[in-house]
Amino acid sequence: MKPQTVYSLILLIILPCLNGYKILGVFPHPGKSHFDFFEPLMKELAHKGHEVTVISHFPQKIPLKGYTDISIVDGSHLKYNNVNITHFTGSRLQQHLNSHFLAQLGWAACDNGYTQKAFQDFLKSRPKFDVILMEYFNTDCYLPLAHILKAPLIGLSSCAIMPWTNLQMGFPDNPGYVPIPFIGVHDKMTFFERVENTVLYLLTSVIYKLLIDIPSHETVKKHLGDDIPPLSEIAANTSLVLTNMHFSLTLPRPLPPGFIEVSGMNIGKSKKLPENLEKWISGATHGVVYLSLGSMIKLHTFPEEKTKAFLKALGRLPQRVIWKWEAETLPDQPSNVMIQKWLPQLDILCHPNVKAYIAHGGLLGTTEAVHCGVPMVVLPQFGDQFTNAKALEKTKGGVVLDFWSLNENTLYDAVKTVLEPSFQESAKQLSDRFNDRPMPAMDTAIYWVEYVARHKGAPHLKTAAVGMPLYQYLLIDVIAFLLLVLFVVTYMFYFLVRTIFRKIFVRSSVKKLKKN
């Protein structure tokens, strides 16, 4: 081999290491599905030669080169990821109180994380980073890390952007056509849906201020002292936000340059299935229906009457069914149903013989189904699942059922609907639109992380609206001024006309008096 070739190979090997950045990931929320969206990005950044440090509840089981864990495991993730379905009624009131529920989770995540010794030792060491990646959800108490470590901040969202994040970043939502994540409407709302959406948007902003922002300030003061600037000021300095959205699925909305849609970033290549699953799926003459309500909700906690409705409806299908069931046995299990406690979801959904997916509408599972072109029957339970379900229904990717009112017949009819050839074709078309991009979502995310690091925070991405008072953003001062000008001009015109008419009237009166 020629010396030049050897030198070139050596350079190719060591160059990524020389150009690698020090990157911190902060993911204090205990939800596993949230971390499942962020983890592939952090691993890929480490694989690219960057030095990655991750603060989370989910340290790597097998050490990874270039990837260091700061574990804040406190047991809360076990409770959060083991939910009884009867805790969620699906009522409108419960949907409206979702922001309060998120605030409670945030309080726990803040207090628990700051008291972990590994986190305290990390703060004391004051390490240097080129960029910080942080989940923007309900844990604003961790924003001071960007101030303390003096590094550019990138926000990440595993779901649709929270309304308060948009407000902090200088582009508040328009509730006339951008649905708040907690209610089941899409962008084409009726009048009363727009009223409800607007009221809830305003209410959520107040709840955020009272139950997330102010308590977060108190937590920061308790653990870090009084020298930290307001959290809203730190958030306003965010360089970029990577969000689990894509206009083909989560519906179009205006976004400034610093908001990048990377929905599907967590989706890798599907792998070969275990032999028992491959045999079961491939041997299904009429295809397979897959049933799972995600990592949090345990299906064995179904009320008995709902379990019976599912068993009867699915037992009537000519298709085989794969059911994620966490208990040891399923009483009265039909012969066409297979149960397992854990399943390789993406690999199942991307199998060509899988025809439908019954799910709860979490965004990760939804994007996997859309990526694979599998139509869904959605049973939303909480959070953004109601809005995800409605968006999917509008894009012809699925149908929506209310879990608490469904019965054997409604479930059977819904599954039969998505199994129809026209619905199968609509799901394939949605998949084509979702996957048709200039570059894969993961490559897009990595490019922008490195972009922010290269350009020292990329302040040029921010619009002038960041930090602008709301009255200026909404042009309330301009409208008030124009109304004042209109009033003055109208009054002057009125005064002028009145004066002219008075003079004319007085003259005519004088003439009449003279004649008399």
Protein backbone atom coordinates (compact mmCIF):
# COMPACT_ATOMS: atom_id res chain seq x y z
CA MET A 1 0.00 0.00 0.00
CA LYS A 2 1.34 3.46 -0.92
CA PRO A 3 2.34 5.80 1.96
CA GLN A 4 -0.12 8.45 0.70
CA THR A 5 -2.95 5.94 0.93
CA VAL A 6 -1.96 4.98 4.48
CA TYR A 7 -1.83 8.64 5.55
CA SER A 8 -5.23 9.25 3.99
CA LEU A 9 -6.75 6.32 5.86
CA ILE A 10 -5.24 7.51 9.14
CA LEU A 11 -6.66 10.99 8.58
CA LEU A 12 -10.09 9.56 7.83
CA ILE A 13 -9.99 7.65 11.12
CA ILE A 14 -8.72 10.44 13.38
CA LEU A 15 -10.39 13.46 11.72
CA PRO A 16 -13.83 12.89 13.31
CA CYS A 17 -12.15 12.74 16.73
CA LEU A 18 -10.24 15.99 16.07
CA ASN A 19 -13.41 17.77 14.99
CA GLY A 20 -15.64 16.24 17.66
CA TYR A 21 -17.66 18.48 19.95
CA LYS A 22 -18.42 18.08 23.63
CA ILE A 23 -22.18 17.65 23.84
CA LEU A 24 -24.39 17.46 26.93
CA GLY A 25 -27.86 15.89 26.83
CA VAL A 26 -30.29 16.72 29.65
CA PHE A 27 -33.40 14.52 29.79
CA PRO A 28 -34.82 14.63 33.34
CA HIS A 29 -38.38 13.55 32.50
CA PRO A 30 -38.89 9.92 33.69
CA GLY A 31 -41.01 8.84 30.71
CA LYS A 32 -39.27 6.05 28.78
CA SER A 33 -41.05 6.86 25.53
CA HIS A 34 -39.65 10.41 25.68
CA PHE A 35 -36.10 9.14 26.12
CA ASP A 36 -36.62 6.61 23.33
CA PHE A 37 -36.89 9.56 20.95
CA PHE A 38 -33.72 11.29 22.19
CA GLU A 39 -31.46 8.29 22.79
CA PRO A 40 -30.80 7.38 19.12
CA LEU A 41 -29.61 10.94 18.45
CA MET A 42 -27.21 10.92 21.40
CA LYS A 43 -25.85 7.52 20.38
CA GLU A 44 -25.39 8.61 16.78
CA LEU A 45 -23.57 11.78 17.89
CA ALA A 46 -21.20 9.59 19.92
CA HIS A 47 -20.77 7.30 16.91
CA LYS A 48 -19.85 10.35 14.80
CA GLY A 49 -16.90 11.03 17.11
CA HIS A 50 -18.41 13.59 19.47
CA GLU A 51 -17.91 13.37 23.24
CA VAL A 52 -21.43 12.90 24.60
CA THR A 53 -22.60 13.16 28.22
CA VAL A 54 -26.22 12.31 29.04
CA ILE A 55 -28.19 13.13 32.20
CA SER A 56 -31.24 10.85 32.39
CA HIS A 57 -33.13 8.11 34.21
CA PHE A 58 -31.99 5.57 31.62
CA PRO A 59 -28.22 4.90 31.66
CA GLN A 60 -26.81 2.54 29.06
CA LYS A 61 -26.76 -1.11 30.08
CA ILE A 62 -23.70 -1.71 27.90
CA PRO A 63 -21.02 1.04 27.92
CA LEU A 64 -20.77 2.92 24.63
CA LYS A 65 -17.62 4.60 23.34
CA GLY A 66 -17.85 8.38 23.57
CA TYR A 67 -21.06 8.19 25.64
CA THR A 68 -21.01 9.00 29.39
CA ASP A 69 -24.06 8.63 31.65
CA ILE A 70 -24.96 10.85 34.60
CA SER A 71 -27.70 8.76 36.15
CA ILE A 72 -30.51 10.47 38.10
CA VAL A 73 -32.46 7.23 38.59
CA ASP A 74 -34.70 7.58 41.64
CA GLY A 75 -37.43 5.02 41.03
CA SER A 76 -39.97 7.52 39.67
CA HIS A 77 -39.51 6.14 36.16
CA LEU A 78 -40.81 2.75 37.36
CA LYS A 79 -44.08 4.27 38.56
CA TYR A 80 -44.44 6.56 35.55
CA ASN A 81 -43.93 3.71 33.08
CA ASN A 82 -46.35 1.31 34.77
CA VAL A 83 -49.76 2.92 34.35
CA ASN A 84 -53.17 1.42 35.06
CA ILE A 85 -55.53 2.32 32.22
CA THR A 86 -58.40 2.92 34.64
CA HIS A 87 -56.54 6.05 35.85
CA PHE A 88 -57.58 7.74 32.60
CA THR A 89 -61.26 8.28 31.89
CA GLY A 90 -60.76 10.13 28.61
CA SER A 91 -63.19 12.83 29.77
CA ARG A 92 -63.02 16.37 28.43
CA LEU A 93 -62.28 17.66 31.93
CA GLN A 94 -59.31 15.34 32.26
CA GLN A 95 -58.01 16.52 28.89
CA HIS A 96 -58.28 20.13 30.09
CA LEU A 97 -56.32 19.29 33.26
CA ASN A 98 -53.41 17.68 31.40
CA SER A 99 -51.18 20.72 31.90
CA HIS A 100 -51.73 20.45 35.68
CA PHE A 101 -50.76 16.76 35.50
CA LEU A 102 -47.60 17.68 33.58
CA ALA A 103 -46.76 20.30 36.20
CA GLN A 104 -46.94 17.69 38.97
CA LEU A 105 -44.57 15.42 37.05
CA GLY A 106 -42.23 18.36 36.57
CA TRP A 107 -42.11 19.16 40.29
CA ALA A 108 -41.01 15.62 41.08
CA ALA A 109 -38.44 15.54 38.27
CA CYS A 110 -36.91 18.81 39.46
CA ASP A 111 -36.65 17.97 43.16
CA ASN A 112 -35.51 14.39 42.60
CA GLY A 113 -32.89 15.24 39.98
CA TYR A 114 -31.24 18.07 41.92
CA THR A 115 -30.85 15.86 45.01
CA GLN A 116 -29.04 13.05 43.18
CA LYS A 117 -25.36 12.89 44.17
CA ALA A 118 -24.20 12.15 40.61
CA PHE A 119 -25.93 15.31 39.40
CA GLN A 120 -24.55 17.41 42.27
CA ASP A 121 -21.01 16.18 41.60
CA PHE A 122 -21.48 16.97 37.91
CA LEU A 123 -22.50 20.55 38.72
CA LYS A 124 -19.54 21.04 41.05
CA SER A 125 -17.08 19.93 38.37
CA ARG A 126 -18.29 22.66 35.94
CA PRO A 127 -17.29 20.78 32.76
CA LYS A 128 -17.02 22.60 29.43
CA PHE A 129 -19.42 21.84 26.56
CA ASP A 130 -19.80 23.13 23.03
CA VAL A 131 -23.57 22.66 23.03
CA ILE A 132 -26.33 21.45 25.37
CA LEU A 133 -29.35 19.43 24.21
CA MET A 134 -32.28 19.58 26.63
CA GLU A 135 -35.84 18.27 26.59
CA TYR A 136 -38.40 21.09 26.49
CA PHE A 137 -41.46 19.72 28.24
CA ASN A 138 -42.13 20.38 31.92
CA THR A 139 -38.69 20.65 33.56
CA ASP A 140 -37.63 24.28 33.10
CA CYS A 141 -35.70 24.02 36.37
CA TYR A 142 -32.79 22.53 34.39
CA LEU A 143 -32.48 25.56 32.07
CA PRO A 144 -29.83 27.16 34.34
CA LEU A 145 -27.35 24.52 33.18
CA ALA A 146 -26.95 26.55 29.98
CA HIS A 147 -26.18 29.66 32.04
CA ILE A 148 -23.82 27.91 34.47
CA LEU A 149 -21.91 25.98 31.81
CA LYS A 150 -22.00 28.90 29.33
CA ALA A 151 -22.93 26.74 26.34
CA PRO A 152 -25.44 27.19 23.49
CA LEU A 153 -28.78 25.53 24.18
CA ILE A 154 -30.82 23.33 21.83
CA GLY A 155 -34.32 22.30 22.87
CA LEU A 156 -35.73 18.87 22.00
CA SER A 157 -39.37 17.83 22.03
CA SER A 158 -40.57 14.24 21.69
CA CYS A 159 -44.13 15.43 21.03
CA ALA A 160 -45.80 18.44 19.48
CA ILE A 161 -44.27 21.64 20.86
CA MET A 162 -45.83 22.79 24.12
CA PRO A 163 -47.65 26.15 23.83
CA TRP A 164 -45.38 27.77 26.44
CA THR A 165 -42.27 26.84 24.44
CA ASN A 166 -43.63 28.62 21.38
CA LEU A 167 -44.39 31.68 23.48
CA GLN A 168 -40.86 31.73 24.94
CA MET A 169 -39.36 31.36 21.47
CA GLY A 170 -41.20 34.35 20.04
CA PHE A 171 -44.04 32.83 18.05
CA PRO A 172 -47.17 32.13 20.10
CA ASP A 173 -49.62 29.72 18.52
CA ASN A 174 -52.66 30.94 16.65
CA PRO A 175 -55.47 28.99 18.36
CA GLY A 176 -57.69 29.65 15.36
CA TYR A 177 -56.04 26.76 13.50
CA VAL A 178 -53.21 25.37 15.68
CA PRO A 179 -54.79 22.94 18.17
CA ILE A 180 -53.43 22.78 21.69
CA PRO A 181 -51.97 19.27 22.20
CA PHE A 182 -54.44 18.27 24.91
CA ILE A 183 -57.78 18.20 23.07
CA GLY A 184 -58.93 16.01 20.21
CA VAL A 185 -59.30 18.46 17.34
CA HIS A 186 -57.35 19.06 14.14
CA ASP A 187 -56.60 22.31 12.33
CA LYS A 188 -60.05 22.59 10.68
CA MET A 189 -62.07 23.49 13.78
CA THR A 190 -65.70 24.44 14.18
CA PHE A 191 -66.56 27.76 15.83
CA PHE A 192 -67.07 26.22 19.27
CA GLU A 193 -63.91 24.12 18.92
CA ARG A 194 -62.00 27.33 18.23
CA VAL A 195 -63.59 28.89 21.31
CA GLU A 196 -62.59 25.89 23.43
CA ASN A 197 -59.10 25.82 21.92
CA THR A 198 -58.59 29.54 22.57
CA VAL A 199 -59.83 29.39 26.17
CA LEU A 200 -57.70 26.33 26.90
CA TYR A 201 -54.67 27.97 25.26
CA LEU A 202 -55.02 31.00 27.55
CA LEU A 203 -55.70 28.79 30.57
CA THR A 204 -52.65 26.64 29.81
CA SER A 205 -50.45 29.74 29.64
CA VAL A 206 -51.65 30.79 33.10
CA ILE A 207 -51.19 27.26 34.50
CA TYR A 208 -47.67 27.15 33.05
CA LYS A 209 -46.75 30.43 34.73
CA LEU A 210 -48.25 29.49 38.11
CA LEU A 211 -47.49 25.76 38.27
CA ILE A 212 -44.30 25.30 36.22
CA ASP A 213 -42.42 28.58 35.85
CA ILE A 214 -42.76 29.94 39.40
CA PRO A 215 -42.13 26.57 41.17
CA SER A 216 -39.14 26.00 38.87
CA HIS A 217 -37.71 29.35 39.99
CA GLU A 218 -38.11 28.28 43.62
CA THR A 219 -36.37 24.95 42.97
CA VAL A 220 -33.49 26.73 41.25
CA LYS A 221 -33.13 29.21 44.12
CA LYS A 222 -33.12 26.38 46.66
CA HIS A 223 -30.37 24.42 44.92
CA LEU A 224 -28.37 27.05 43.00
CA GLY A 225 -28.90 30.33 44.86
CA ASP A 226 -30.22 33.72 43.75
CA ASP A 227 -27.65 34.50 41.05
CA ILE A 228 -29.49 32.69 38.24
CA PRO A 229 -31.31 34.93 35.72
CA PRO A 230 -35.03 34.42 35.07
CA LEU A 231 -35.73 31.09 33.40
CA SER A 232 -37.74 32.79 30.66
CA GLU A 233 -34.64 34.82 29.79
CA ILE A 234 -32.52 31.66 29.50
CA ALA A 235 -35.21 29.97 27.40
CA ALA A 236 -35.39 32.99 25.10
CA ASN A 237 -31.69 32.46 24.32
CA THR A 238 -32.35 28.97 22.94
CA SER A 239 -30.43 28.55 19.71
CA LEU A 240 -32.60 25.88 18.08
CA VAL A 241 -35.47 23.47 18.74
CA LEU A 242 -35.63 19.96 17.25
CA THR A 243 -39.20 18.70 17.40
CA ASN A 244 -40.92 15.39 16.73
CA MET A 245 -43.19 16.90 14.08
CA HIS A 246 -43.62 16.63 10.33
CA PHE A 247 -46.16 18.58 8.32
CA SER A 248 -47.42 15.45 6.56
CA LEU A 249 -48.58 13.96 9.88
CA THR A 250 -48.82 16.63 12.59
CA LEU A 251 -50.32 19.08 10.05
CA PRO A 252 -48.72 22.28 8.65
CA ARG A 253 -48.02 25.33 10.77
CA PRO A 254 -45.65 28.30 10.41
CA LEU A 255 -42.24 27.73 12.01
CA PRO A 256 -39.29 30.15 12.30
CA PRO A 257 -35.82 29.11 11.05
CA GLY A 258 -34.79 27.90 14.50
CA PHE A 259 -37.45 25.18 14.62
CA ILE A 260 -36.54 22.00 12.78
CA GLU A 261 -38.95 19.10 12.20
CA VAL A 262 -37.19 15.77 12.78
CA SER A 263 -40.13 13.40 13.25
CA GLY A 264 -38.97 9.83 12.71
CA MET A 265 -35.47 10.57 14.01
CA ASN A 266 -35.85 7.60 16.34
CA ILE A 267 -36.73 5.18 13.53
CA GLY A 268 -33.88 2.98 12.38
CA LYS A 269 -33.83 0.12 9.90
CA SER A 270 -36.20 -2.73 10.67
CA LYS A 271 -34.48 -5.98 11.62
CA LYS A 272 -35.21 -9.63 11.05
CA LEU A 273 -37.92 -10.91 13.38
CA PRO A 274 -37.42 -13.75 15.88
CA GLU A 275 -38.31 -17.08 14.31
CA ASN A 276 -41.59 -17.57 16.21
CA LEU A 277 -42.90 -14.13 15.20
CA GLU A 278 -41.74 -14.45 11.60
CA LYS A 279 -43.51 -17.80 11.29
CA TRP A 280 -46.72 -16.49 12.88
CA ILE A 281 -46.85 -13.37 10.69
CA SER A 282 -45.73 -14.91 7.40
CA GLY A 283 -48.14 -17.81 7.85
CA ALA A 284 -51.18 -15.53 8.23
CA THR A 285 -53.21 -15.93 5.03
CA HIS A 286 -55.23 -12.75 5.65
CA GLY A 287 -52.49 -10.74 7.32
CA VAL A 288 -51.86 -9.66 10.91
CA VAL A 289 -53.30 -7.04 13.28
CA TYR A 290 -50.88 -5.69 15.91
CA LEU A 291 -52.19 -4.44 19.30
CA SER A 292 -50.14 -2.40 21.78
CA LEU A 293 -50.85 0.67 23.89
CA GLY A 294 -47.21 1.64 24.33
CA SER A 295 -44.70 1.34 27.14
CA MET A 296 -46.68 3.10 29.87
CA ILE A 297 -50.17 1.58 29.75
CA LYS A 298 -50.41 -2.08 30.68
CA LEU A 299 -53.18 -3.83 28.79
CA HIS A 300 -53.74 -6.39 31.53
CA THR A 301 -55.18 -3.48 33.58
CA PHE A 302 -58.15 -3.27 31.18
CA PRO A 303 -61.56 -3.42 32.90
CA GLU A 304 -62.97 -6.94 32.49
CA GLU A 305 -65.79 -5.88 30.15
CA LYS A 306 -63.32 -4.13 27.82
CA THR A 307 -61.03 -7.15 27.73
CA LYS A 308 -64.00 -9.33 26.77
CA ALA A 309 -65.01 -6.87 24.03
CA PHE A 310 -61.47 -6.99 22.60
CA LEU A 311 -61.36 -10.79 22.75
CA LYS A 312 -64.70 -11.19 20.99
CA ALA A 313 -64.01 -8.56 18.32
CA LEU A 314 -60.50 -9.79 17.52
CA GLY A 315 -61.60 -13.42 17.64
CA ARG A 316 -64.08 -12.72 14.81
CA LEU A 317 -61.34 -11.50 12.48
CA PRO A 318 -59.89 -13.79 9.79
CA GLN A 319 -56.54 -12.08 10.46
CA ARG A 320 -54.09 -13.22 13.09
CA VAL A 321 -53.48 -10.86 16.04
CA ILE A 322 -50.28 -10.09 17.95
CA TRP A 323 -51.19 -8.61 21.34
CA LYS A 324 -48.67 -6.97 23.71
CA TRP A 325 -49.95 -8.42 26.98
CA GLU A 326 -47.89 -8.00 30.16
CA ALA A 327 -49.57 -10.70 32.28
CA GLU A 328 -48.64 -14.39 32.15
CA THR A 329 -51.94 -15.57 30.67
CA LEU A 330 -54.92 -14.17 28.76
CA PRO A 331 -58.16 -15.91 29.80
CA ASP A 332 -60.38 -17.03 26.88
CA GLN A 333 -57.57 -16.26 24.42
CA PRO A 334 -58.83 -16.88 20.83
CA SER A 335 -56.86 -19.24 18.63
CA ASN A 336 -55.92 -16.43 16.23
CA VAL A 337 -54.31 -14.33 19.00
CA MET A 338 -50.66 -14.49 20.12
CA ILE A 339 -49.61 -12.69 23.32
CA GLN A 340 -46.13 -11.57 24.41
CA LYS A 341 -44.86 -9.26 27.15
CA TRP A 342 -42.37 -7.52 24.88
CA LEU A 343 -42.39 -7.14 21.11
CA PRO A 344 -40.01 -5.59 18.52
CA GLN A 345 -42.60 -3.05 17.42
CA LEU A 346 -40.88 -1.43 14.42
CA ASP A 347 -39.84 -4.80 13.00
CA ILE A 348 -43.42 -6.04 13.29
CA LEU A 349 -45.02 -2.93 11.79
CA CYS A 350 -42.67 -2.91 8.80
CA HIS A 351 -43.39 -6.56 7.98
CA PRO A 352 -45.35 -6.57 4.68
CA ASN A 353 -47.99 -8.93 6.09
CA VAL A 354 -48.99 -6.61 8.97
CA LYS A 355 -52.19 -4.84 7.93
CA ALA A 356 -53.37 -2.82 10.96
CA TYR A 357 -52.20 -1.42 14.28
CA ILE A 358 -54.44 -0.83 17.32
CA ALA A 359 -52.71 1.79 19.50
CA HIS A 360 -53.17 4.67 21.95
CA GLY A 361 -51.86 7.42 19.68
CA GLY A 362 -48.48 8.15 21.25
CA LEU A 363 -46.37 10.00 18.72
CA LEU A 364 -43.50 7.50 18.60
CA GLY A 365 -45.73 4.52 17.80
CA THR A 366 -47.77 6.64 15.40
CA THR A 367 -44.71 7.75 13.43
CA GLU A 368 -43.49 4.15 13.25
CA ALA A 369 -46.83 3.03 11.82
CA VAL A 370 -46.86 5.92 9.33
CA HIS A 371 -43.26 5.19 8.36
CA CYS A 372 -44.18 1.55 7.65
CA GLY A 373 -47.48 2.44 5.92
CA VAL A 374 -49.75 0.62 8.40
CA PRO A 375 -53.20 2.15 9.12
CA MET A 376 -54.25 2.52 12.75
CA VAL A 377 -57.23 2.20 15.05
CA VAL A 378 -56.44 4.79 17.73
CA LEU A 379 -57.73 4.71 21.32
CA PRO A 380 -56.31 7.94 22.83
CA GLN A 381 -55.94 8.06 26.62
CA PHE A 382 -54.10 11.21 27.73
CA GLY A 383 -51.71 14.01 26.78
CA ASP A 384 -51.18 14.75 23.09
CA GLN A 385 -52.70 11.41 22.01
CA PHE A 386 -56.11 12.98 21.30
CA THR A 387 -54.63 15.58 18.94
CA ASN A 388 -52.31 13.01 17.34
CA ALA A 389 -55.32 10.77 16.70
CA LYS A 390 -57.35 13.54 15.07
CA ALA A 391 -54.43 14.57 12.87
CA LEU A 392 -53.97 10.95 11.79
CA GLU A 393 -57.68 10.63 11.05
CA LYS A 394 -57.60 13.78 8.90
CA THR A 395 -54.62 12.49 6.91
CA LYS A 396 -56.44 9.16 6.25
CA GLY A 397 -53.94 7.21 8.31
CA GLY A 398 -56.39 5.82 10.82
CA VAL A 399 -59.73 5.94 12.62
CA VAL A 400 -60.38 7.10 16.19
CA LEU A 401 -62.39 5.26 18.86
CA ASP A 402 -63.28 6.30 22.39
CA PHE A 403 -61.96 3.50 24.60
CA TRP A 404 -64.58 3.95 27.32
CA SER A 405 -67.58 3.76 24.98
CA LEU A 406 -66.36 1.09 22.56
CA ASN A 407 -67.89 -2.38 22.45
CA GLU A 408 -67.29 -5.56 20.48
CA ASN A 409 -69.08 -4.30 17.36
CA THR A 410 -67.58 -0.80 17.21
CA LEU A 411 -64.07 -2.20 17.62
CA TYR A 412 -64.67 -4.91 15.02
CA ASP A 413 -66.11 -2.36 12.55
CA ALA A 414 -63.16 0.01 13.08
CA VAL A 415 -60.61 -2.72 12.39
CA LYS A 416 -62.53 -3.85 9.31
CA THR A 417 -62.55 -0.24 8.07
CA VAL A 418 -58.77 0.14 8.15
CA LEU A 419 -58.37 -3.29 6.54
CA GLU A 420 -60.26 -2.12 3.43
CA PRO A 421 -58.05 -1.75 0.31
CA SER A 422 -58.81 1.98 0.00
CA PHE A 423 -57.64 2.61 3.56
CA GLN A 424 -54.54 0.48 3.05
CA GLU A 425 -53.70 2.58 -0.01
CA SER A 426 -54.26 5.86 1.91
CA ALA A 427 -51.85 4.68 4.60
CA LYS A 428 -49.22 3.88 1.96
CA GLN A 429 -49.63 7.35 0.42
CA LEU A 430 -49.24 8.98 3.85
CA SER A 431 -46.09 6.91 4.37
CA ASP A 432 -44.71 8.14 1.04
CA ARG A 433 -45.32 11.77 2.03
CA PHE A 434 -43.80 11.25 5.48
CA ASN A 435 -40.64 9.60 4.16
CA ASP A 436 -40.12 11.92 1.17
CA ARG A 437 -37.39 14.26 2.49
CA PRO A 438 -34.13 15.75 1.22
CA MET A 439 -32.24 13.82 3.91
CA PRO A 440 -33.16 11.36 6.70
CA ALA A 441 -34.46 12.87 9.95
CA MET A 442 -31.42 11.66 11.91
CA ASP A 443 -29.00 13.28 9.46
CA THR A 444 -31.04 16.49 9.65
CA ALA A 445 -30.86 16.51 13.46
CA ILE A 446 -27.11 15.87 13.52
CA TYR A 447 -26.47 18.56 10.91
CA TRP A 448 -28.27 21.19 12.98
CA VAL A 449 -26.64 20.18 16.27
CA GLU A 450 -23.23 20.52 14.64
CA TYR A 451 -24.35 23.75 12.94
CA VAL A 452 -25.16 25.37 16.30
CA ALA A 453 -21.82 24.20 17.73
CA ARG A 454 -19.90 25.46 14.66
CA HIS A 455 -21.56 28.88 14.73
CA LYS A 456 -21.26 29.44 18.49
CA GLY A 457 -24.98 29.27 19.20
CA ALA A 458 -26.14 30.52 15.77
CA PRO A 459 -27.83 33.69 17.10
CA HIS A 460 -28.67 34.66 13.52
CA LEU A 461 -31.45 32.04 13.54
CA LYS A 462 -33.54 34.01 16.03
CA THR A 463 -36.27 36.33 14.85
CA ALA A 464 -36.78 39.79 16.32
CA ALA A 465 -39.93 38.44 17.98
CA VAL A 466 -37.86 36.66 20.66
CA GLY A 467 -38.26 38.69 23.84
CA MET A 468 -40.71 41.07 22.19
CA PRO A 469 -43.57 42.08 24.50
CA LEU A 470 -46.82 40.41 23.54
CA TYR A 471 -48.57 43.74 22.96
CA GLN A 472 -45.96 44.56 20.31
CA TYR A 473 -46.08 41.09 18.74
CA LEU A 474 -49.87 41.33 18.43
CA LEU A 475 -49.61 44.96 17.24
CA ILE A 476 -51.91 46.07 20.04
CA ASP A 477 -50.01 49.38 20.38
CA VAL A 478 -50.14 49.96 16.61
CA ILE A 479 -53.85 49.11 16.46
CA ALA A 480 -54.52 51.41 19.43
CA PHE A 481 -52.58 54.22 17.73
CA LEU A 482 -54.42 53.75 14.43
CA LEU A 483 -57.76 53.69 16.24
CA LEU A 484 -56.79 56.90 18.01
CA VAL A 485 -55.81 58.51 14.71
CA LEU A 486 -59.08 57.31 13.16
CA PHE A 487 -61.00 58.73 16.11
CA VAL A 488 -59.19 62.08 15.90
CA VAL A 489 -59.66 62.34 12.12
CA THR A 490 -63.31 61.31 12.41
CA TYR A 491 -63.89 63.81 15.20
CA MET A 492 -62.15 66.59 13.24
CA PHE A 493 -64.24 65.75 10.18
CA TYR A 494 -67.37 65.75 12.33
CA PHE A 495 -66.35 69.05 13.93
CA LEU A 496 -65.61 70.60 10.52
CA VAL A 497 -68.89 69.41 9.00
CA ARG A 498 -70.83 70.58 12.07
CA THR A 499 -69.14 73.99 11.92
CA ILE A 500 -69.89 74.38 8.21
CA PHE A 501 -73.52 73.37 8.66
CA ARG A 502 -73.88 75.71 11.63
CA LYS A 503 -72.52 78.61 9.62
CA ILE A 504 -74.80 77.77 6.71
CA PHE A 505 -77.76 77.44 9.09
CA VAL A 506 -76.91 80.70 10.88
CA ARG A 507 -76.59 82.57 7.58
CA SER A 508 -79.88 81.22 6.29
CA SER A 509 -81.52 82.12 9.61
CA VAL A 510 -80.13 85.66 9.46
CA LYS A 511 -81.39 86.09 5.90
CA LYS A 512 -84.86 84.91 6.93
CA LEU A 513 -84.87 87.33 9.87
CA LYS A 514 -83.86 90.20 7.60
CA LYS A 515 -86.64 89.34 5.16
CA ASN A 516 -89.16 89.19 7.96
